[in-house]
Amino acid sequence: MSQRRPERRRVTKTIIERHRQYLEARWEHEGIECAILHHPRFPHCNGYARLPDALAGCDVEELFEIHGGINYGPDEEGWIGFDTAHADDVWPDLPDPLELRTGHGGCRCGTVWTIKKLSVETNRLAKQVALALEAAAPQ
């Protein structure tokens, strides 16, 4: 008797579509969809990769190692993500109208982020997703 995998609930819009106005970039790496979104209120961006259906239900926190860990998803469409808003993360090129960066003494001693650096980290996540998909494939 084979077990039937539970169907994933479909939504009409993905996180990327719901927050289209904050979309910085969207691309594919290693066959995995990727995206970068600006946070709507704070001076940082987040990186996302979309899990293929074959990885639905996997333990993303256990399976993928990324800056600060996976802290979004997987959502109904398989998107997982991580942020760059940790105490030692700095985005010097993004506007900071609330002057939130000065809350940490203006420290620039942690990770200094750029869109390019975030895209590299997001590609690193996509590579891990692609490897997990390969490992999950029937032999």
N, C-alpha and C. Protein backbone atom coordinates (compact mmCIF):
# COMPACT_ATOMS: atom_id res chain seq x y z
N MET A 1 0.84 -1.17 0.00
CA MET A 1 0.00 0.00 0.00
C MET A 1 0.90 1.24 0.00
N SER A 2 0.78 2.04 -1.02
CA SER A 2 1.64 3.23 -1.10
C SER A 2 0.98 4.40 -0.39
N GLN A 3 1.83 5.19 0.25
CA GLN A 3 1.32 6.38 0.92
C GLN A 3 1.17 7.50 -0.09
N ARG A 4 0.09 8.20 0.02
CA ARG A 4 -0.17 9.32 -0.87
C ARG A 4 0.36 10.60 -0.23
N ARG A 5 1.20 11.30 -0.97
CA ARG A 5 1.74 12.56 -0.45
C ARG A 5 0.62 13.58 -0.40
N PRO A 6 0.51 14.31 0.73
CA PRO A 6 -0.54 15.32 0.82
C PRO A 6 -0.36 16.39 -0.25
N GLU A 7 -1.47 16.81 -0.82
CA GLU A 7 -1.39 17.86 -1.84
C GLU A 7 -1.09 19.18 -1.19
N ARG A 8 -0.27 19.97 -1.88
CA ARG A 8 0.05 21.30 -1.38
C ARG A 8 -1.05 22.24 -1.82
N ARG A 9 -1.48 23.06 -0.89
CA ARG A 9 -2.52 24.03 -1.20
C ARG A 9 -1.95 25.09 -2.12
N ARG A 10 -2.65 25.40 -3.18
CA ARG A 10 -2.21 26.42 -4.13
C ARG A 10 -2.84 27.76 -3.79
N VAL A 11 -2.06 28.79 -3.92
CA VAL A 11 -2.58 30.14 -3.74
C VAL A 11 -2.50 30.87 -5.07
N THR A 12 -3.26 31.93 -5.20
CA THR A 12 -3.28 32.62 -6.48
C THR A 12 -2.03 33.46 -6.70
N LYS A 13 -1.37 33.87 -5.63
CA LYS A 13 -0.16 34.68 -5.77
C LYS A 13 0.93 34.18 -4.83
N THR A 14 2.15 34.16 -5.32
CA THR A 14 3.29 33.79 -4.49
C THR A 14 3.74 35.00 -3.68
N ILE A 15 4.65 34.79 -2.75
CA ILE A 15 5.19 35.92 -1.98
C ILE A 15 5.79 36.96 -2.93
N ILE A 16 6.39 36.48 -3.99
CA ILE A 16 7.03 37.39 -4.94
C ILE A 16 5.98 38.24 -5.65
N GLU A 17 4.88 37.63 -6.03
CA GLU A 17 3.81 38.39 -6.69
C GLU A 17 3.09 39.33 -5.73
N ARG A 18 2.91 38.89 -4.48
CA ARG A 18 2.23 39.75 -3.50
C ARG A 18 3.05 40.99 -3.16
N HIS A 19 4.35 40.89 -3.27
CA HIS A 19 5.23 42.00 -2.92
C HIS A 19 6.04 42.48 -4.13
N ARG A 20 5.41 42.43 -5.28
CA ARG A 20 6.07 42.78 -6.54
C ARG A 20 6.74 44.16 -6.49
N GLN A 21 6.10 45.11 -5.78
CA GLN A 21 6.67 46.47 -5.74
C GLN A 21 8.01 46.51 -5.01
N TYR A 22 8.34 45.47 -4.25
CA TYR A 22 9.61 45.43 -3.51
C TYR A 22 10.64 44.51 -4.18
N LEU A 23 10.28 43.97 -5.34
CA LEU A 23 11.16 43.02 -6.03
C LEU A 23 12.38 43.73 -6.60
N GLU A 24 13.54 43.29 -6.18
CA GLU A 24 14.81 43.82 -6.70
C GLU A 24 15.28 43.00 -7.89
N ALA A 25 15.17 41.67 -7.77
CA ALA A 25 15.66 40.79 -8.84
C ALA A 25 14.97 39.44 -8.74
N ARG A 26 14.83 38.79 -9.89
CA ARG A 26 14.29 37.43 -9.96
C ARG A 26 15.05 36.71 -11.06
N TRP A 27 15.53 35.49 -10.78
CA TRP A 27 16.33 34.76 -11.73
C TRP A 27 16.28 33.28 -11.40
N GLU A 28 16.96 32.48 -12.20
CA GLU A 28 17.06 31.05 -11.95
C GLU A 28 18.54 30.69 -11.82
N HIS A 29 18.84 29.85 -10.84
CA HIS A 29 20.21 29.37 -10.62
C HIS A 29 20.16 27.88 -10.35
N GLU A 30 20.95 27.12 -11.09
CA GLU A 30 20.98 25.66 -10.92
C GLU A 30 19.57 25.07 -11.11
N GLY A 31 18.74 25.71 -11.92
CA GLY A 31 17.38 25.23 -12.17
C GLY A 31 16.39 25.59 -11.08
N ILE A 32 16.80 26.41 -10.12
CA ILE A 32 15.96 26.80 -8.98
C ILE A 32 15.61 28.28 -9.11
N GLU A 33 14.33 28.62 -8.92
CA GLU A 33 13.90 30.02 -8.95
C GLU A 33 14.44 30.76 -7.73
N CYS A 34 14.92 31.97 -7.95
CA CYS A 34 15.48 32.81 -6.88
C CYS A 34 14.89 34.21 -6.97
N ALA A 35 14.93 34.92 -5.86
CA ALA A 35 14.45 36.30 -5.86
C ALA A 35 15.07 37.06 -4.70
N ILE A 36 15.13 38.38 -4.86
CA ILE A 36 15.52 39.29 -3.79
C ILE A 36 14.42 40.33 -3.65
N LEU A 37 13.97 40.50 -2.42
CA LEU A 37 12.95 41.51 -2.11
C LEU A 37 13.50 42.51 -1.11
N HIS A 38 13.21 43.79 -1.33
CA HIS A 38 13.48 44.81 -0.32
C HIS A 38 12.44 44.63 0.78
N HIS A 39 12.84 44.82 2.02
CA HIS A 39 11.86 44.83 3.11
C HIS A 39 11.02 46.09 2.95
N PRO A 40 9.70 46.00 3.15
CA PRO A 40 8.85 47.18 2.92
C PRO A 40 9.07 48.34 3.89
N ARG A 41 9.60 48.07 5.10
CA ARG A 41 9.74 49.15 6.08
C ARG A 41 11.15 49.37 6.59
N PHE A 42 12.01 48.40 6.45
CA PHE A 42 13.33 48.50 7.06
C PHE A 42 14.43 48.45 6.01
N PRO A 43 15.61 48.97 6.32
CA PRO A 43 16.68 49.09 5.33
C PRO A 43 17.50 47.81 5.14
N HIS A 44 16.84 46.78 4.62
CA HIS A 44 17.54 45.56 4.27
C HIS A 44 16.76 44.81 3.20
N CYS A 45 17.38 43.79 2.64
CA CYS A 45 16.74 42.94 1.64
C CYS A 45 16.78 41.49 2.11
N ASN A 46 15.92 40.68 1.52
CA ASN A 46 15.83 39.26 1.84
C ASN A 46 16.06 38.43 0.59
N GLY A 47 16.65 37.25 0.75
CA GLY A 47 16.87 36.34 -0.37
C GLY A 47 15.92 35.15 -0.29
N TYR A 48 15.45 34.70 -1.45
CA TYR A 48 14.48 33.60 -1.53
C TYR A 48 14.86 32.60 -2.60
N ALA A 49 14.52 31.34 -2.36
CA ALA A 49 14.63 30.28 -3.36
C ALA A 49 13.34 29.46 -3.28
N ARG A 50 12.95 28.93 -4.40
CA ARG A 50 11.69 28.16 -4.44
C ARG A 50 11.99 26.67 -4.49
N LEU A 51 11.45 25.95 -3.49
CA LEU A 51 11.64 24.51 -3.44
C LEU A 51 10.79 23.84 -4.51
N PRO A 52 11.35 22.88 -5.22
CA PRO A 52 10.53 22.08 -6.14
C PRO A 52 9.56 21.22 -5.34
N ASP A 53 8.47 20.81 -5.96
CA ASP A 53 7.46 20.01 -5.28
C ASP A 53 8.03 18.74 -4.66
N ALA A 54 9.08 18.18 -5.28
CA ALA A 54 9.68 16.94 -4.76
C ALA A 54 10.28 17.13 -3.37
N LEU A 55 10.53 18.38 -2.97
CA LEU A 55 11.10 18.64 -1.64
C LEU A 55 10.05 19.15 -0.65
N ALA A 56 8.80 19.09 -1.03
CA ALA A 56 7.73 19.53 -0.12
C ALA A 56 7.78 18.71 1.16
N GLY A 57 7.68 19.40 2.27
CA GLY A 57 7.68 18.72 3.56
C GLY A 57 9.05 18.46 4.15
N CYS A 58 10.11 18.85 3.44
CA CYS A 58 11.45 18.64 4.01
C CYS A 58 11.70 19.64 5.14
N ASP A 59 12.61 19.30 6.02
CA ASP A 59 12.96 20.16 7.14
C ASP A 59 14.00 21.17 6.66
N VAL A 60 13.53 22.35 6.24
CA VAL A 60 14.42 23.33 5.63
C VAL A 60 15.49 23.85 6.59
N GLU A 61 15.15 23.95 7.86
CA GLU A 61 16.13 24.44 8.83
C GLU A 61 17.26 23.44 9.02
N GLU A 62 16.95 22.17 8.89
CA GLU A 62 17.95 21.12 9.05
C GLU A 62 18.75 20.92 7.76
N LEU A 63 18.09 21.07 6.63
CA LEU A 63 18.68 20.73 5.34
C LEU A 63 19.56 21.82 4.73
N PHE A 64 19.22 23.08 4.97
CA PHE A 64 19.94 24.17 4.30
C PHE A 64 20.66 25.07 5.29
N GLU A 65 21.91 25.40 4.94
CA GLU A 65 22.71 26.30 5.77
C GLU A 65 22.89 27.60 5.00
N ILE A 66 22.42 28.68 5.59
CA ILE A 66 22.46 29.98 4.94
C ILE A 66 22.64 31.06 6.00
N HIS A 67 23.04 32.25 5.59
CA HIS A 67 23.26 33.36 6.53
C HIS A 67 22.05 33.55 7.46
N GLY A 68 22.25 33.38 8.75
CA GLY A 68 21.19 33.59 9.73
C GLY A 68 20.13 32.50 9.76
N GLY A 69 20.22 31.52 8.89
CA GLY A 69 19.26 30.43 8.84
C GLY A 69 18.01 30.79 8.04
N ILE A 70 17.27 29.77 7.66
CA ILE A 70 16.00 29.96 6.95
C ILE A 70 15.00 30.51 7.96
N ASN A 71 14.43 31.66 7.68
CA ASN A 71 13.42 32.21 8.60
C ASN A 71 12.14 32.61 7.88
N TYR A 72 11.98 32.11 6.65
CA TYR A 72 10.70 32.27 5.95
C TYR A 72 10.42 30.97 5.22
N GLY A 73 9.19 30.47 5.40
CA GLY A 73 8.70 29.35 4.60
C GLY A 73 9.10 27.99 5.14
N PRO A 74 8.78 26.99 4.35
CA PRO A 74 8.24 27.12 3.01
C PRO A 74 6.77 27.54 3.03
N ASP A 75 6.41 28.42 2.08
CA ASP A 75 5.02 28.83 1.98
C ASP A 75 4.29 27.87 1.03
N GLU A 76 3.07 28.17 0.70
CA GLU A 76 2.24 27.29 -0.12
C GLU A 76 2.82 27.05 -1.50
N GLU A 77 3.66 27.95 -1.95
CA GLU A 77 4.26 27.82 -3.28
C GLU A 77 5.70 27.31 -3.22
N GLY A 78 6.17 26.99 -2.01
CA GLY A 78 7.50 26.42 -1.87
C GLY A 78 8.63 27.42 -1.65
N TRP A 79 8.31 28.71 -1.56
CA TRP A 79 9.36 29.71 -1.35
C TRP A 79 9.89 29.64 0.07
N ILE A 80 11.22 29.63 0.20
CA ILE A 80 11.90 29.73 1.48
C ILE A 80 12.81 30.95 1.41
N GLY A 81 13.13 31.52 2.56
CA GLY A 81 13.97 32.70 2.50
C GLY A 81 14.73 32.95 3.78
N PHE A 82 15.64 33.91 3.68
CA PHE A 82 16.46 34.34 4.80
C PHE A 82 16.58 35.84 4.74
N ASP A 83 16.86 36.44 5.89
CA ASP A 83 16.97 37.90 5.90
C ASP A 83 18.40 38.34 6.20
N THR A 84 18.62 39.62 6.03
CA THR A 84 19.93 40.21 6.31
C THR A 84 19.73 41.38 7.27
N ALA A 85 18.95 41.12 8.32
CA ALA A 85 18.63 42.16 9.30
C ALA A 85 19.08 41.78 10.70
N HIS A 86 20.17 41.04 10.77
CA HIS A 86 20.69 40.65 12.07
C HIS A 86 21.48 41.82 12.67
N ALA A 87 21.76 41.75 13.94
CA ALA A 87 22.38 42.88 14.65
C ALA A 87 23.68 43.35 14.00
N ASP A 88 24.41 42.44 13.39
CA ASP A 88 25.68 42.86 12.78
C ASP A 88 25.61 42.97 11.26
N ASP A 89 24.41 42.96 10.68
CA ASP A 89 24.24 43.14 9.24
C ASP A 89 24.08 44.61 8.91
N VAL A 90 24.74 45.05 7.86
CA VAL A 90 24.71 46.46 7.47
C VAL A 90 24.45 46.57 5.97
N TRP A 91 23.55 47.48 5.61
CA TRP A 91 23.25 47.82 4.22
C TRP A 91 23.59 49.30 4.03
N PRO A 92 24.83 49.66 3.80
CA PRO A 92 25.20 51.07 3.73
C PRO A 92 24.60 51.82 2.53
N ASP A 93 24.23 51.10 1.46
CA ASP A 93 23.73 51.76 0.26
C ASP A 93 22.21 51.92 0.21
N LEU A 94 21.50 51.39 1.21
CA LEU A 94 20.04 51.52 1.23
C LEU A 94 19.63 52.70 2.10
N PRO A 95 18.58 53.40 1.70
CA PRO A 95 18.08 54.50 2.54
C PRO A 95 17.67 54.00 3.92
N ASP A 96 17.91 54.81 4.93
CA ASP A 96 17.58 54.45 6.31
C ASP A 96 16.83 55.61 6.97
N PRO A 97 15.59 55.87 6.51
CA PRO A 97 14.88 57.06 7.00
C PRO A 97 14.61 57.06 8.50
N LEU A 98 14.51 55.89 9.11
CA LEU A 98 14.27 55.81 10.56
C LEU A 98 15.57 55.80 11.35
N GLU A 99 16.68 55.86 10.66
CA GLU A 99 18.02 55.81 11.27
C GLU A 99 18.19 54.62 12.20
N LEU A 100 17.72 53.47 11.71
CA LEU A 100 17.79 52.24 12.50
C LEU A 100 19.23 51.76 12.68
N ARG A 101 20.09 52.05 11.72
CA ARG A 101 21.47 51.57 11.82
C ARG A 101 22.21 52.19 12.99
N THR A 102 21.81 53.37 13.40
CA THR A 102 22.50 54.00 14.52
C THR A 102 22.13 53.34 15.84
N GLY A 103 21.11 52.50 15.85
CA GLY A 103 20.70 51.79 17.06
C GLY A 103 21.76 50.82 17.54
N HIS A 104 22.65 50.40 16.64
CA HIS A 104 23.74 49.50 17.03
C HIS A 104 25.05 50.27 17.11
N GLY A 105 24.96 51.55 17.42
CA GLY A 105 26.16 52.36 17.52
C GLY A 105 26.81 52.64 16.18
N GLY A 106 26.04 52.41 15.10
CA GLY A 106 26.60 52.62 13.76
C GLY A 106 27.69 51.63 13.43
N CYS A 107 27.73 50.52 14.16
CA CYS A 107 28.77 49.51 13.97
C CYS A 107 28.75 48.96 12.55
N ARG A 108 29.90 48.94 11.92
CA ARG A 108 30.03 48.35 10.59
C ARG A 108 31.00 47.17 10.67
N CYS A 109 30.93 46.45 11.79
CA CYS A 109 31.88 45.38 12.03
C CYS A 109 31.37 44.01 11.60
N GLY A 110 30.12 43.91 11.15
CA GLY A 110 29.56 42.62 10.75
C GLY A 110 29.61 42.43 9.25
N THR A 111 28.55 41.85 8.72
CA THR A 111 28.45 41.62 7.29
C THR A 111 27.93 42.87 6.61
N VAL A 112 28.70 43.40 5.69
CA VAL A 112 28.27 44.56 4.91
C VAL A 112 27.67 44.02 3.62
N TRP A 113 26.36 44.27 3.44
CA TRP A 113 25.61 43.70 2.33
C TRP A 113 25.49 44.65 1.16
N THR A 114 25.47 44.04 -0.03
CA THR A 114 25.11 44.71 -1.28
C THR A 114 24.16 43.75 -2.00
N ILE A 115 23.49 44.25 -3.02
CA ILE A 115 22.62 43.36 -3.81
C ILE A 115 23.44 42.24 -4.43
N LYS A 116 24.62 42.54 -4.90
CA LYS A 116 25.48 41.51 -5.50
C LYS A 116 25.83 40.43 -4.47
N LYS A 117 26.22 40.86 -3.27
CA LYS A 117 26.58 39.89 -2.23
C LYS A 117 25.36 39.04 -1.84
N LEU A 118 24.19 39.66 -1.76
CA LEU A 118 22.97 38.91 -1.43
C LEU A 118 22.62 37.93 -2.55
N SER A 119 22.83 38.31 -3.80
CA SER A 119 22.55 37.38 -4.89
C SER A 119 23.49 36.18 -4.85
N VAL A 120 24.74 36.39 -4.46
CA VAL A 120 25.69 35.28 -4.31
C VAL A 120 25.21 34.33 -3.20
N GLU A 121 24.77 34.89 -2.07
CA GLU A 121 24.28 34.06 -0.96
C GLU A 121 22.99 33.33 -1.34
N THR A 122 22.13 34.00 -2.10
CA THR A 122 20.89 33.36 -2.57
C THR A 122 21.22 32.23 -3.54
N ASN A 123 22.21 32.43 -4.40
CA ASN A 123 22.65 31.36 -5.30
C ASN A 123 23.21 30.18 -4.52
N ARG A 124 23.87 30.46 -3.41
CA ARG A 124 24.38 29.38 -2.55
C ARG A 124 23.23 28.55 -2.00
N LEU A 125 22.14 29.22 -1.63
CA LEU A 125 20.95 28.50 -1.17
C LEU A 125 20.36 27.68 -2.31
N ALA A 126 20.25 28.28 -3.50
CA ALA A 126 19.70 27.57 -4.65
C ALA A 126 20.53 26.32 -4.98
N LYS A 127 21.83 26.43 -4.87
CA LYS A 127 22.72 25.27 -5.12
C LYS A 127 22.41 24.15 -4.12
N GLN A 128 22.19 24.50 -2.85
CA GLN A 128 21.85 23.50 -1.84
C GLN A 128 20.50 22.85 -2.15
N VAL A 129 19.54 23.65 -2.62
CA VAL A 129 18.23 23.11 -2.99
C VAL A 129 18.39 22.14 -4.16
N ALA A 130 19.17 22.52 -5.17
CA ALA A 130 19.40 21.66 -6.33
C ALA A 130 20.05 20.34 -5.92
N LEU A 131 21.03 20.39 -5.00
CA LEU A 131 21.69 19.17 -4.52
C LEU A 131 20.72 18.29 -3.74
N ALA A 132 19.86 18.92 -2.93
CA ALA A 132 18.86 18.14 -2.17
C ALA A 132 17.87 17.49 -3.12
N LEU A 133 17.50 18.18 -4.19
CA LEU A 133 16.59 17.61 -5.19
C LEU A 133 17.23 16.41 -5.89
N GLU A 134 18.49 16.56 -6.21
CA GLU A 134 19.23 15.46 -6.84
C GLU A 134 19.30 14.25 -5.92
N ALA A 135 19.56 14.50 -4.63
CA ALA A 135 19.65 13.40 -3.66
C ALA A 135 18.30 12.73 -3.44
N ALA A 136 17.21 13.49 -3.61
CA ALA A 136 15.86 12.95 -3.38
C ALA A 136 15.34 12.19 -4.59
N ALA A 137 16.00 12.32 -5.74
CA ALA A 137 15.53 11.67 -6.97
C ALA A 137 15.66 10.16 -6.86
N PRO A 138 14.67 9.43 -7.35
CA PRO A 138 14.77 7.96 -7.33
C PRO A 138 15.96 7.48 -8.17
N GLN A 139 16.63 6.49 -7.67
CA GLN A 139 17.83 5.96 -8.35
C GLN A 139 17.44 4.97 -9.41
